[in-house]
PDB file of all heavy atoms in Angstrom:
ATOM      1  N   VAL A   1      -9.169  -1.190 -10.902  1.00  0.00           N
ATOM      2  CA  VAL A   1      -7.827  -1.586 -10.448  1.00  0.00           C
ATOM      3  C   VAL A   1      -7.404  -0.743  -9.253  1.00  0.00           C
ATOM      4  O   VAL A   1      -6.935  -1.273  -8.239  1.00  0.00           O
ATOM      5  CB  VAL A   1      -6.792  -1.468 -11.596  1.00  0.00           C
ATOM      6  CG1 VAL A   1      -5.364  -1.612 -11.066  1.00  0.00           C
ATOM      7  CG2 VAL A   1      -7.073  -2.502 -12.674  1.00  0.00           C
ATOM      8  N   SER A   2      -7.581   0.565  -9.335  1.00  0.00           N
ATOM      9  CA  SER A   2      -7.161   1.425  -8.220  1.00  0.00           C
ATOM     10  C   SER A   2      -8.025   1.193  -6.981  1.00  0.00           C
ATOM     11  O   SER A   2      -7.524   1.200  -5.862  1.00  0.00           O
ATOM     12  CB  SER A   2      -7.152   2.900  -8.625  1.00  0.00           C
ATOM     13  OG  SER A   2      -8.443   3.341  -8.948  1.00  0.00           O
ATOM     14  N   GLY A   3      -9.315   0.949  -7.173  1.00  0.00           N
ATOM     15  CA  GLY A   3     -10.184   0.650  -6.031  1.00  0.00           C
ATOM     16  C   GLY A   3      -9.804  -0.658  -5.356  1.00  0.00           C
ATOM     17  O   GLY A   3      -9.706  -0.735  -4.135  1.00  0.00           O
ATOM     18  N   PHE A   4      -9.575  -1.691  -6.157  1.00  0.00           N
ATOM     19  CA  PHE A   4      -9.157  -2.989  -5.624  1.00  0.00           C
ATOM     20  C   PHE A   4      -7.839  -2.845  -4.876  1.00  0.00           C
ATOM     21  O   PHE A   4      -7.686  -3.333  -3.755  1.00  0.00           O
ATOM     22  CB  PHE A   4      -9.013  -4.008  -6.764  1.00  0.00           C
ATOM     23  CG  PHE A   4      -8.551  -5.355  -6.309  1.00  0.00           C
ATOM     24  CD1 PHE A   4      -9.451  -6.307  -5.866  1.00  0.00           C
ATOM     25  CD2 PHE A   4      -7.198  -5.674  -6.305  1.00  0.00           C
ATOM     26  CE1 PHE A   4      -9.025  -7.548  -5.429  1.00  0.00           C
ATOM     27  CE2 PHE A   4      -6.755  -6.907  -5.878  1.00  0.00           C
ATOM     28  CZ  PHE A   4      -7.667  -7.856  -5.437  1.00  0.00           C
ATOM     29  N   SER A   5      -6.883  -2.168  -5.505  1.00  0.00           N
ATOM     30  CA  SER A   5      -5.573  -1.968  -4.891  1.00  0.00           C
ATOM     31  C   SER A   5      -5.692  -1.209  -3.574  1.00  0.00           C
ATOM     32  O   SER A   5      -5.047  -1.560  -2.577  1.00  0.00           O
ATOM     33  CB  SER A   5      -4.655  -1.230  -5.861  1.00  0.00           C
ATOM     34  OG  SER A   5      -3.376  -1.052  -5.307  1.00  0.00           O
ATOM     35  N   THR A   6      -6.511  -0.180  -3.552  1.00  0.00           N
ATOM     36  CA  THR A   6      -6.686   0.617  -2.338  1.00  0.00           C
ATOM     37  C   THR A   6      -7.174  -0.247  -1.185  1.00  0.00           C
ATOM     38  O   THR A   6      -6.577  -0.247  -0.101  1.00  0.00           O
ATOM     39  CB  THR A   6      -7.679   1.772  -2.589  1.00  0.00           C
ATOM     40  OG1 THR A   6      -7.121   2.650  -3.579  1.00  0.00           O
ATOM     41  CG2 THR A   6      -7.955   2.549  -1.308  1.00  0.00           C
ATOM     42  N   PHE A   7      -8.264  -0.974  -1.401  1.00  0.00           N
ATOM     43  CA  PHE A   7      -8.906  -1.688  -0.298  1.00  0.00           C
ATOM     44  C   PHE A   7      -8.227  -2.998   0.075  1.00  0.00           C
ATOM     45  O   PHE A   7      -8.268  -3.392   1.242  1.00  0.00           O
ATOM     46  CB  PHE A   7     -10.388  -1.903  -0.594  1.00  0.00           C
ATOM     47  CG  PHE A   7     -11.144  -0.612  -0.579  1.00  0.00           C
ATOM     48  CD1 PHE A   7     -11.590  -0.041  -1.754  1.00  0.00           C
ATOM     49  CD2 PHE A   7     -11.364   0.072   0.608  1.00  0.00           C
ATOM     50  CE1 PHE A   7     -12.265   1.175  -1.741  1.00  0.00           C
ATOM     51  CE2 PHE A   7     -12.029   1.281   0.631  1.00  0.00           C
ATOM     52  CZ  PHE A   7     -12.480   1.832  -0.546  1.00  0.00           C
ATOM     53  N   PHE A   8      -7.589  -3.651  -0.887  1.00  0.00           N
ATOM     54  CA  PHE A   8      -7.021  -4.961  -0.594  1.00  0.00           C
ATOM     55  C   PHE A   8      -5.506  -4.990  -0.479  1.00  0.00           C
ATOM     56  O   PHE A   8      -4.936  -5.979  -0.053  1.00  0.00           O
ATOM     57  CB  PHE A   8      -7.489  -5.979  -1.637  1.00  0.00           C
ATOM     58  CG  PHE A   8      -8.970  -6.191  -1.594  1.00  0.00           C
ATOM     59  CD1 PHE A   8      -9.780  -5.690  -2.593  1.00  0.00           C
ATOM     60  CD2 PHE A   8      -9.555  -6.859  -0.533  1.00  0.00           C
ATOM     61  CE1 PHE A   8     -11.158  -5.866  -2.545  1.00  0.00           C
ATOM     62  CE2 PHE A   8     -10.926  -7.039  -0.476  1.00  0.00           C
ATOM     63  CZ  PHE A   8     -11.726  -6.544  -1.489  1.00  0.00           C
ATOM     64  N   VAL A   9      -4.842  -3.890  -0.845  1.00  0.00           N
ATOM     65  CA  VAL A   9      -3.377  -3.842  -0.736  1.00  0.00           C
ATOM     66  C   VAL A   9      -2.942  -2.676   0.165  1.00  0.00           C
ATOM     67  O   VAL A   9      -2.323  -2.882   1.209  1.00  0.00           O
ATOM     68  CB  VAL A   9      -2.699  -3.749  -2.121  1.00  0.00           C
ATOM     69  CG1 VAL A   9      -1.181  -3.696  -1.974  1.00  0.00           C
ATOM     70  CG2 VAL A   9      -3.121  -4.915  -3.010  1.00  0.00           C
ATOM     71  N   GLN A  10      -3.266  -1.437  -0.229  1.00  0.00           N
ATOM     72  CA  GLN A  10      -2.769  -0.284   0.519  1.00  0.00           C
ATOM     73  C   GLN A  10      -3.379  -0.173   1.922  1.00  0.00           C
ATOM     74  O   GLN A  10      -2.657   0.126   2.871  1.00  0.00           O
ATOM     75  CB  GLN A  10      -3.002   1.017  -0.264  1.00  0.00           C
ATOM     76  CG  GLN A  10      -1.939   1.316  -1.290  1.00  0.00           C
ATOM     77  CD  GLN A  10      -2.026   0.425  -2.511  1.00  0.00           C
ATOM     78  OE1 GLN A  10      -3.108   0.153  -3.002  1.00  0.00           O
ATOM     79  NE2 GLN A  10      -0.889  -0.025  -2.991  1.00  0.00           N
ATOM     80  N   VAL A  11      -4.673  -0.396   2.061  1.00  0.00           N
ATOM     81  CA  VAL A  11      -5.281  -0.276   3.395  1.00  0.00           C
ATOM     82  C   VAL A  11      -4.653  -1.255   4.387  1.00  0.00           C
ATOM     83  O   VAL A  11      -4.275  -0.852   5.495  1.00  0.00           O
ATOM     84  CB  VAL A  11      -6.826  -0.406   3.324  1.00  0.00           C
ATOM     85  CG1 VAL A  11      -7.421  -0.597   4.705  1.00  0.00           C
ATOM     86  CG2 VAL A  11      -7.427   0.825   2.648  1.00  0.00           C
ATOM     87  N   PRO A  12      -4.483  -2.543   4.041  1.00  0.00           N
ATOM     88  CA  PRO A  12      -3.809  -3.438   4.991  1.00  0.00           C
ATOM     89  C   PRO A  12      -2.360  -3.032   5.304  1.00  0.00           C
ATOM     90  O   PRO A  12      -1.908  -3.172   6.451  1.00  0.00           O
ATOM     91  CB  PRO A  12      -3.851  -4.811   4.300  1.00  0.00           C
ATOM     92  CG  PRO A  12      -5.015  -4.723   3.365  1.00  0.00           C
ATOM     93  CD  PRO A  12      -5.041  -3.289   2.901  1.00  0.00           C
ATOM     94  N   LEU A  13      -1.650  -2.530   4.307  1.00  0.00           N
ATOM     95  CA  LEU A  13      -0.270  -2.084   4.559  1.00  0.00           C
ATOM     96  C   LEU A  13      -0.253  -0.868   5.478  1.00  0.00           C
ATOM     97  O   LEU A  13       0.585  -0.774   6.378  1.00  0.00           O
ATOM     98  CB  LEU A  13       0.445  -1.792   3.237  1.00  0.00           C
ATOM     99  CG  LEU A  13       0.752  -3.022   2.374  1.00  0.00           C
ATOM    100  CD1 LEU A  13       1.241  -2.604   0.995  1.00  0.00           C
ATOM    101  CD2 LEU A  13       1.757  -3.937   3.057  1.00  0.00           C
ATOM    102  N   HIS A  14      -1.181   0.058   5.270  1.00  0.00           N
ATOM    103  CA  HIS A  14      -1.277   1.211   6.168  1.00  0.00           C
ATOM    104  C   HIS A  14      -1.642   0.762   7.584  1.00  0.00           C
ATOM    105  O   HIS A  14      -1.163   1.350   8.563  1.00  0.00           O
ATOM    106  CB  HIS A  14      -2.304   2.218   5.656  1.00  0.00           C
ATOM    107  CG  HIS A  14      -1.746   3.164   4.657  1.00  0.00           C
ATOM    108  ND1 HIS A  14      -0.819   4.133   4.988  1.00  0.00           N
ATOM    109  CD2 HIS A  14      -1.979   3.299   3.328  1.00  0.00           C
ATOM    110  CE1 HIS A  14      -0.508   4.824   3.902  1.00  0.00           C
ATOM    111  NE2 HIS A  14      -1.196   4.337   2.870  1.00  0.00           N
ATOM    112  N   ALA A  15      -2.476  -0.253   7.705  1.00  0.00           N
ATOM    113  CA  ALA A  15      -2.836  -0.763   9.038  1.00  0.00           C
ATOM    114  C   ALA A  15      -1.595  -1.283   9.759  1.00  0.00           C
ATOM    115  O   ALA A  15      -1.435  -1.061  10.967  1.00  0.00           O
ATOM    116  CB  ALA A  15      -3.890  -1.855   8.916  1.00  0.00           C
ATOM    117  N   ARG A  16      -0.705  -1.933   9.026  1.00  0.00           N
ATOM    118  CA  ARG A  16       0.553  -2.403   9.639  1.00  0.00           C
ATOM    119  C   ARG A  16       1.435  -1.231  10.050  1.00  0.00           C
ATOM    120  O   ARG A  16       2.055  -1.253  11.112  1.00  0.00           O
ATOM    121  CB  ARG A  16       1.320  -3.290   8.659  1.00  0.00           C
ATOM    122  CG  ARG A  16       0.757  -4.670   8.532  1.00  0.00           C
ATOM    123  CD  ARG A  16       1.739  -5.540   7.769  1.00  0.00           C
ATOM    124  NE  ARG A  16       1.010  -6.360   6.819  1.00  0.00           N
ATOM    125  CZ  ARG A  16       1.527  -6.928   5.763  1.00  0.00           C
ATOM    126  NH1 ARG A  16       2.815  -6.778   5.482  1.00  0.00           N
ATOM    127  NH2 ARG A  16       0.802  -7.667   4.968  1.00  0.00           N
ATOM    128  N   LEU A  17       1.496  -0.211   9.197  1.00  0.00           N
ATOM    129  CA  LEU A  17       2.324   0.949   9.505  1.00  0.00           C
ATOM    130  C   LEU A  17       1.750   1.778  10.648  1.00  0.00           C
ATOM    131  O   LEU A  17       2.491   2.493  11.327  1.00  0.00           O
ATOM    132  CB  LEU A  17       2.512   1.815   8.262  1.00  0.00           C
ATOM    133  CG  LEU A  17       3.409   1.211   7.185  1.00  0.00           C
ATOM    134  CD1 LEU A  17       3.336   2.027   5.896  1.00  0.00           C
ATOM    135  CD2 LEU A  17       4.854   1.104   7.672  1.00  0.00           C
ATOM    136  N   ALA A  18       0.454   1.700  10.869  1.00  0.00           N
ATOM    137  CA  ALA A  18      -0.166   2.438  11.980  1.00  0.00           C
ATOM    138  C   ALA A  18       0.364   1.960  13.319  1.00  0.00           C
ATOM    139  O   ALA A  18       0.405   2.717  14.286  1.00  0.00           O
ATOM    140  CB  ALA A  18      -1.676   2.298  11.932  1.00  0.00           C
ATOM    141  N   VAL A  19       0.808   0.719  13.371  1.00  0.00           N
ATOM    142  CA  VAL A  19       1.372   0.153  14.603  1.00  0.00           C
ATOM    143  C   VAL A  19       2.768   0.706  14.847  1.00  0.00           C
ATOM    144  O   VAL A  19       3.179   0.904  15.984  1.00  0.00           O
ATOM    145  CB  VAL A  19       1.403  -1.391  14.521  1.00  0.00           C
ATOM    146  CG1 VAL A  19       2.090  -2.004  15.727  1.00  0.00           C
ATOM    147  CG2 VAL A  19      -0.011  -1.930  14.360  1.00  0.00           C
ATOM    148  N   GLY A  20       3.484   0.962  13.761  1.00  0.00           N
ATOM    149  CA  GLY A  20       4.838   1.490  13.875  1.00  0.00           C
ATOM    150  C   GLY A  20       5.597   1.304  12.580  1.00  0.00           C
ATOM    151  O   GLY A  20       5.197   0.511  11.719  1.00  0.00           O
ATOM    152  N   PHE A  21       6.683   2.023  12.455  1.00  0.00           N
ATOM    153  CA  PHE A  21       7.477   1.967  11.240  1.00  0.00           C
ATOM    154  C   PHE A  21       8.048   0.580  11.029  1.00  0.00           C
ATOM    155  O   PHE A  21       8.574  -0.056  11.940  1.00  0.00           O
ATOM    156  CB  PHE A  21       8.626   2.982  11.297  1.00  0.00           C
ATOM    157  CG  PHE A  21       9.490   2.954  10.071  1.00  0.00           C
ATOM    158  CD1 PHE A  21       9.079   3.590   8.922  1.00  0.00           C
ATOM    159  CD2 PHE A  21      10.692   2.267  10.078  1.00  0.00           C
ATOM    160  CE1 PHE A  21       9.868   3.563   7.782  1.00  0.00           C
ATOM    161  CE2 PHE A  21      11.493   2.230   8.949  1.00  0.00           C
ATOM    162  CZ  PHE A  21      11.080   2.871   7.789  1.00  0.00           C
ATOM    163  N   ASP A  22       7.950   0.138   9.784  1.00  0.00           N
ATOM    164  CA  ASP A  22       8.561  -1.119   9.369  1.00  0.00           C
ATOM    165  C   ASP A  22       9.044  -0.910   7.939  1.00  0.00           C
ATOM    166  O   ASP A  22       8.237  -0.645   7.042  1.00  0.00           O
ATOM    167  CB  ASP A  22       7.558  -2.272   9.437  1.00  0.00           C
ATOM    168  CG  ASP A  22       8.163  -3.568   8.938  1.00  0.00           C
ATOM    169  OD1 ASP A  22       9.048  -4.118   9.626  1.00  0.00           O
ATOM    170  OD2 ASP A  22       7.754  -4.012   7.841  1.00  0.00           O
ATOM    171  N   ALA A  23      10.344  -0.988   7.739  1.00  0.00           N
ATOM    172  CA  ALA A  23      10.940  -0.671   6.434  1.00  0.00           C
ATOM    173  C   ALA A  23      10.394  -1.574   5.334  1.00  0.00           C
ATOM    174  O   ALA A  23      10.124  -1.108   4.219  1.00  0.00           O
ATOM    175  CB  ALA A  23      12.462  -0.780   6.511  1.00  0.00           C
ATOM    176  N   GLU A  24      10.216  -2.837   5.614  1.00  0.00           N
ATOM    177  CA  GLU A  24       9.717  -3.765   4.590  1.00  0.00           C
ATOM    178  C   GLU A  24       8.270  -3.462   4.213  1.00  0.00           C
ATOM    179  O   GLU A  24       7.903  -3.505   3.037  1.00  0.00           O
ATOM    180  CB  GLU A  24       9.854  -5.213   5.073  1.00  0.00           C
ATOM    181  CG  GLU A  24       9.401  -6.246   4.073  1.00  0.00           C
ATOM    182  CD  GLU A  24      10.162  -6.212   2.747  1.00  0.00           C
ATOM    183  OE1 GLU A  24      11.274  -5.657   2.673  1.00  0.00           O
ATOM    184  OE2 GLU A  24       9.612  -6.744   1.752  1.00  0.00           O
ATOM    185  N   THR A  25       7.452  -3.131   5.196  1.00  0.00           N
ATOM    186  CA  THR A  25       6.058  -2.776   4.908  1.00  0.00           C
ATOM    187  C   THR A  25       5.998  -1.487   4.088  1.00  0.00           C
ATOM    188  O   THR A  25       5.226  -1.389   3.133  1.00  0.00           O
ATOM    189  CB  THR A  25       5.251  -2.625   6.209  1.00  0.00           C
ATOM    190  OG1 THR A  25       5.321  -3.867   6.925  1.00  0.00           O
ATOM    191  CG2 THR A  25       3.806  -2.279   5.939  1.00  0.00           C
ATOM    192  N   LEU A  26       6.836  -0.522   4.433  1.00  0.00           N
ATOM    193  CA  LEU A  26       6.877   0.724   3.668  1.00  0.00           C
ATOM    194  C   LEU A  26       7.341   0.452   2.237  1.00  0.00           C
ATOM    195  O   LEU A  26       6.780   0.996   1.285  1.00  0.00           O
ATOM    196  CB  LEU A  26       7.787   1.754   4.335  1.00  0.00           C
ATOM    197  CG  LEU A  26       7.921   3.090   3.599  1.00  0.00           C
ATOM    198  CD1 LEU A  26       6.562   3.771   3.420  1.00  0.00           C
ATOM    199  CD2 LEU A  26       8.889   3.997   4.349  1.00  0.00           C
ATOM    200  N   ARG A  27       8.324  -0.394   2.079  1.00  0.00           N
ATOM    201  CA  ARG A  27       8.807  -0.758   0.740  1.00  0.00           C
ATOM    202  C   ARG A  27       7.673  -1.376  -0.080  1.00  0.00           C
ATOM    203  O   ARG A  27       7.453  -1.016  -1.241  1.00  0.00           O
ATOM    204  CB  ARG A  27       9.978  -1.730   0.839  1.00  0.00           C
ATOM    205  CG  ARG A  27      10.648  -2.042  -0.500  1.00  0.00           C
ATOM    206  CD  ARG A  27      11.697  -3.134  -0.372  1.00  0.00           C
ATOM    207  NE  ARG A  27      11.108  -4.436  -0.158  1.00  0.00           N
ATOM    208  CZ  ARG A  27      10.512  -5.169  -1.105  1.00  0.00           C
ATOM    209  NH1 ARG A  27      10.428  -4.716  -2.335  1.00  0.00           N
ATOM    210  NH2 ARG A  27      10.004  -6.359  -0.835  1.00  0.00           N
ATOM    211  N   LYS A  28       6.914  -2.279   0.539  1.00  0.00           N
ATOM    212  CA  LYS A  28       5.778  -2.902  -0.159  1.00  0.00           C
ATOM    213  C   LYS A  28       4.709  -1.871  -0.509  1.00  0.00           C
ATOM    214  O   LYS A  28       4.110  -1.929  -1.582  1.00  0.00           O
ATOM    215  CB  LYS A  28       5.167  -4.014   0.702  1.00  0.00           C
ATOM    216  CG  LYS A  28       6.026  -5.244   0.801  1.00  0.00           C
ATOM    217  CD  LYS A  28       5.386  -6.281   1.708  1.00  0.00           C
ATOM    218  CE  LYS A  28       6.276  -7.496   1.864  1.00  0.00           C
ATOM    219  NZ  LYS A  28       5.695  -8.481   2.797  1.00  0.00           N
ATOM    220  N   LEU A  29       4.489  -0.927   0.397  1.00  0.00           N
ATOM    221  CA  LEU A  29       3.502   0.117   0.143  1.00  0.00           C
ATOM    222  C   LEU A  29       3.912   0.961  -1.056  1.00  0.00           C
ATOM    223  O   LEU A  29       3.108   1.213  -1.968  1.00  0.00           O
ATOM    224  CB  LEU A  29       3.331   1.006   1.378  1.00  0.00           C
ATOM    225  CG  LEU A  29       2.348   2.167   1.230  1.00  0.00           C
ATOM    226  CD1 LEU A  29       0.926   1.651   1.065  1.00  0.00           C
ATOM    227  CD2 LEU A  29       2.446   3.088   2.435  1.00  0.00           C
ATOM    228  N   VAL A  30       5.165   1.402  -1.071  1.00  0.00           N
ATOM    229  CA  VAL A  30       5.649   2.248  -2.162  1.00  0.00           C
ATOM    230  C   VAL A  30       5.589   1.490  -3.488  1.00  0.00           C
ATOM    231  O   VAL A  30       5.100   2.022  -4.493  1.00  0.00           O
ATOM    232  CB  VAL A  30       7.080   2.761  -1.875  1.00  0.00           C
ATOM    233  CG1 VAL A  30       7.678   3.444  -3.090  1.00  0.00           C
ATOM    234  CG2 VAL A  30       7.066   3.704  -0.675  1.00  0.00           C
ATOM    235  N   LEU A  31       6.055   0.251  -3.494  1.00  0.00           N
ATOM    236  CA  LEU A  31       6.059  -0.518  -4.741  1.00  0.00           C
ATOM    237  C   LEU A  31       4.641  -0.815  -5.230  1.00  0.00           C
ATOM    238  O   LEU A  31       4.338  -0.652  -6.410  1.00  0.00           O
ATOM    239  CB  LEU A  31       6.838  -1.825  -4.559  1.00  0.00           C
ATOM    240  CG  LEU A  31       8.345  -1.688  -4.431  1.00  0.00           C
ATOM    241  CD1 LEU A  31       8.991  -3.041  -4.130  1.00  0.00           C
ATOM    242  CD2 LEU A  31       8.943  -1.083  -5.700  1.00  0.00           C
ATOM    243  N   SER A  32       3.778  -1.248  -4.329  1.00  0.00           N
ATOM    244  CA  SER A  32       2.407  -1.587  -4.746  1.00  0.00           C
ATOM    245  C   SER A  32       1.615  -0.346  -5.132  1.00  0.00           C
ATOM    246  O   SER A  32       0.708  -0.416  -5.970  1.00  0.00           O
ATOM    247  CB  SER A  32       1.684  -2.355  -3.632  1.00  0.00           C
ATOM    248  OG  SER A  32       1.499  -1.546  -2.483  1.00  0.00           O
ATOM    249  N   ASN A  33       1.960   0.789  -4.542  1.00  0.00           N
ATOM    250  CA  ASN A  33       1.237   2.017  -4.871  1.00  0.00           C
ATOM    251  C   ASN A  33       1.527   2.489  -6.287  1.00  0.00           C
ATOM    252  O   ASN A  33       0.762   3.267  -6.849  1.00  0.00           O
ATOM    253  CB  ASN A  33       1.552   3.121  -3.859  1.00  0.00           C
ATOM    254  CG  ASN A  33       0.530   4.222  -3.910  1.00  0.00           C
ATOM    255  OD1 ASN A  33      -0.659   3.983  -3.741  1.00  0.00           O
ATOM    256  ND2 ASN A  33       0.981   5.434  -4.180  1.00  0.00           N
ATOM    257  N   TRP A  34       2.622   2.016  -6.902  1.00  0.00           N
ATOM    258  CA  TRP A  34       2.875   2.364  -8.298  1.00  0.00           C
ATOM    259  C   TRP A  34       1.757   1.843  -9.194  1.00  0.00           C
ATOM    260  O   TRP A  34       1.416   2.478 -10.195  1.00  0.00           O
ATOM    261  CB  TRP A  34       4.231   1.836  -8.761  1.00  0.00           C
ATOM    262  CG  TRP A  34       5.365   2.741  -8.378  1.00  0.00           C
ATOM    263  CD1 TRP A  34       6.372   2.482  -7.507  1.00  0.00           C
ATOM    264  CD2 TRP A  34       5.593   4.074  -8.858  1.00  0.00           C
ATOM    265  NE1 TRP A  34       7.214   3.562  -7.406  1.00  0.00           N
ATOM    266  CE2 TRP A  34       6.753   4.551  -8.234  1.00  0.00           C
ATOM    267  CE3 TRP A  34       4.925   4.910  -9.756  1.00  0.00           C
ATOM    268  CZ2 TRP A  34       7.265   5.828  -8.479  1.00  0.00           C
ATOM    269  CZ3 TRP A  34       5.423   6.176  -9.990  1.00  0.00           C
ATOM    270  CH2 TRP A  34       6.580   6.620  -9.360  1.00  0.00           C
ATOM    271  N   TRP A  35       1.177   0.690  -8.865  1.00  0.00           N
ATOM    272  CA  TRP A  35       0.056   0.155  -9.655  1.00  0.00           C
ATOM    273  C   TRP A  35      -1.136   1.107  -9.592  1.00  0.00           C
ATOM    274  O   TRP A  35      -1.789   1.386 -10.597  1.00  0.00           O
ATOM    275  CB  TRP A  35      -0.363  -1.233  -9.153  1.00  0.00           C
ATOM    276  CG  TRP A  35       0.647  -2.274  -9.494  1.00  0.00           C
ATOM    277  CD1 TRP A  35       1.599  -2.797  -8.674  1.00  0.00           C
ATOM    278  CD2 TRP A  35       0.814  -2.895 -10.764  1.00  0.00           C
ATOM    279  NE1 TRP A  35       2.362  -3.706  -9.365  1.00  0.00           N
ATOM    280  CE2 TRP A  35       1.889  -3.789 -10.648  1.00  0.00           C
ATOM    281  CE3 TRP A  35       0.162  -2.781 -11.991  1.00  0.00           C
ATOM    282  CZ2 TRP A  35       2.324  -4.572 -11.711  1.00  0.00           C
ATOM    283  CZ3 TRP A  35       0.594  -3.566 -13.049  1.00  0.00           C
ATOM    284  CH2 TRP A  35       1.664  -4.442 -12.910  1.00  0.00           C
ATOM    285  N   ARG A  36      -1.417   1.605  -8.404  1.00  0.00           N
ATOM    286  CA  ARG A  36      -2.531   2.528  -8.220  1.00  0.00           C
ATOM    287  C   ARG A  36      -2.242   3.864  -8.906  1.00  0.00           C
ATOM    288  O   ARG A  36      -3.117   4.446  -9.551  1.00  0.00           O
ATOM    289  CB  ARG A  36      -2.772   2.719  -6.717  1.00  0.00           C
ATOM    290  CG  ARG A  36      -4.056   3.397  -6.385  1.00  0.00           C
ATOM    291  CD  ARG A  36      -4.408   3.241  -4.931  1.00  0.00           C
ATOM    292  NE  ARG A  36      -3.399   3.746  -4.022  1.00  0.00           N
ATOM    293  CZ  ARG A  36      -3.642   4.093  -2.775  1.00  0.00           C
ATOM    294  NH1 ARG A  36      -4.870   4.003  -2.283  1.00  0.00           N
ATOM    295  NH2 ARG A  36      -2.686   4.532  -1.996  1.00  0.00           N
ATOM    296  N   THR A  37      -1.007   4.337  -8.790  1.00  0.00           N
ATOM    297  CA  THR A  37      -0.605   5.583  -9.446  1.00  0.00           C
ATOM    298  C   THR A  37      -0.741   5.448 -10.963  1.00  0.00           C
ATOM    299  O   THR A  37      -1.289   6.334 -11.632  1.00  0.00           O
ATOM    300  CB  THR A  37       0.847   5.933  -9.060  1.00  0.00           C
ATOM    301  OG1 THR A  37       0.922   6.027  -7.628  1.00  0.00           O
ATOM    302  CG2 THR A  37       1.298   7.234  -9.684  1.00  0.00           C
ATOM    303  N   ALA A  38      -0.265   4.343 -11.502  1.00  0.00           N
ATOM    304  CA  ALA A  38      -0.365   4.105 -12.948  1.00  0.00           C
ATOM    305  C   ALA A  38      -1.825   3.987 -13.380  1.00  0.00           C
ATOM    306  O   ALA A  38      -2.224   4.562 -14.404  1.00  0.00           O
ATOM    307  CB  ALA A  38       0.398   2.846 -13.330  1.00  0.00           C
ATOM    308  N   ALA A  39      -2.618   3.277 -12.598  1.00  0.00           N
ATOM    309  CA  ALA A  39      -4.026   3.086 -12.957  1.00  0.00           C
ATOM    310  C   ALA A  39      -4.769   4.418 -13.006  1.00  0.00           C
ATOM    311  O   ALA A  39      -5.508   4.697 -13.959  1.00  0.00           O
ATOM    312  CB  ALA A  39      -4.700   2.132 -11.977  1.00  0.00           C
ATOM    313  N   TRP A  40      -4.569   5.257 -11.990  1.00  0.00           N
ATOM    314  CA  TRP A  40      -5.258   6.550 -11.983  1.00  0.00           C
ATOM    315  C   TRP A  40      -4.773   7.438 -13.121  1.00  0.00           C
ATOM    316  O   TRP A  40      -5.546   8.183 -13.720  1.00  0.00           O
ATOM    317  CB  TRP A  40      -5.085   7.262 -10.644  1.00  0.00           C
ATOM    318  CG  TRP A  40      -6.371   7.427  -9.886  1.00  0.00           C
ATOM    319  CD1 TRP A  40      -7.573   7.863 -10.373  1.00  0.00           C
ATOM    320  CD2 TRP A  40      -6.569   7.172  -8.507  1.00  0.00           C
ATOM    321  NE1 TRP A  40      -8.512   7.884  -9.364  1.00  0.00           N
ATOM    322  CE2 TRP A  40      -7.922   7.464  -8.212  1.00  0.00           C
ATOM    323  CE3 TRP A  40      -5.737   6.730  -7.487  1.00  0.00           C
ATOM    324  CZ2 TRP A  40      -8.464   7.327  -6.942  1.00  0.00           C
ATOM    325  CZ3 TRP A  40      -6.279   6.593  -6.226  1.00  0.00           C
ATOM    326  CH2 TRP A  40      -7.624   6.885  -5.957  1.00  0.00           C
TER     327      TRP A  40
END
């Protein structure tokens, strides 16, 4: 679960944030990262 989440959710969100700050993308990153945090 954490591996899937990392490569298919967090990495794409980080790629968007690398371009510049976006509050909605950051919100999605924080919320989706709870799944990875819980899984680990």
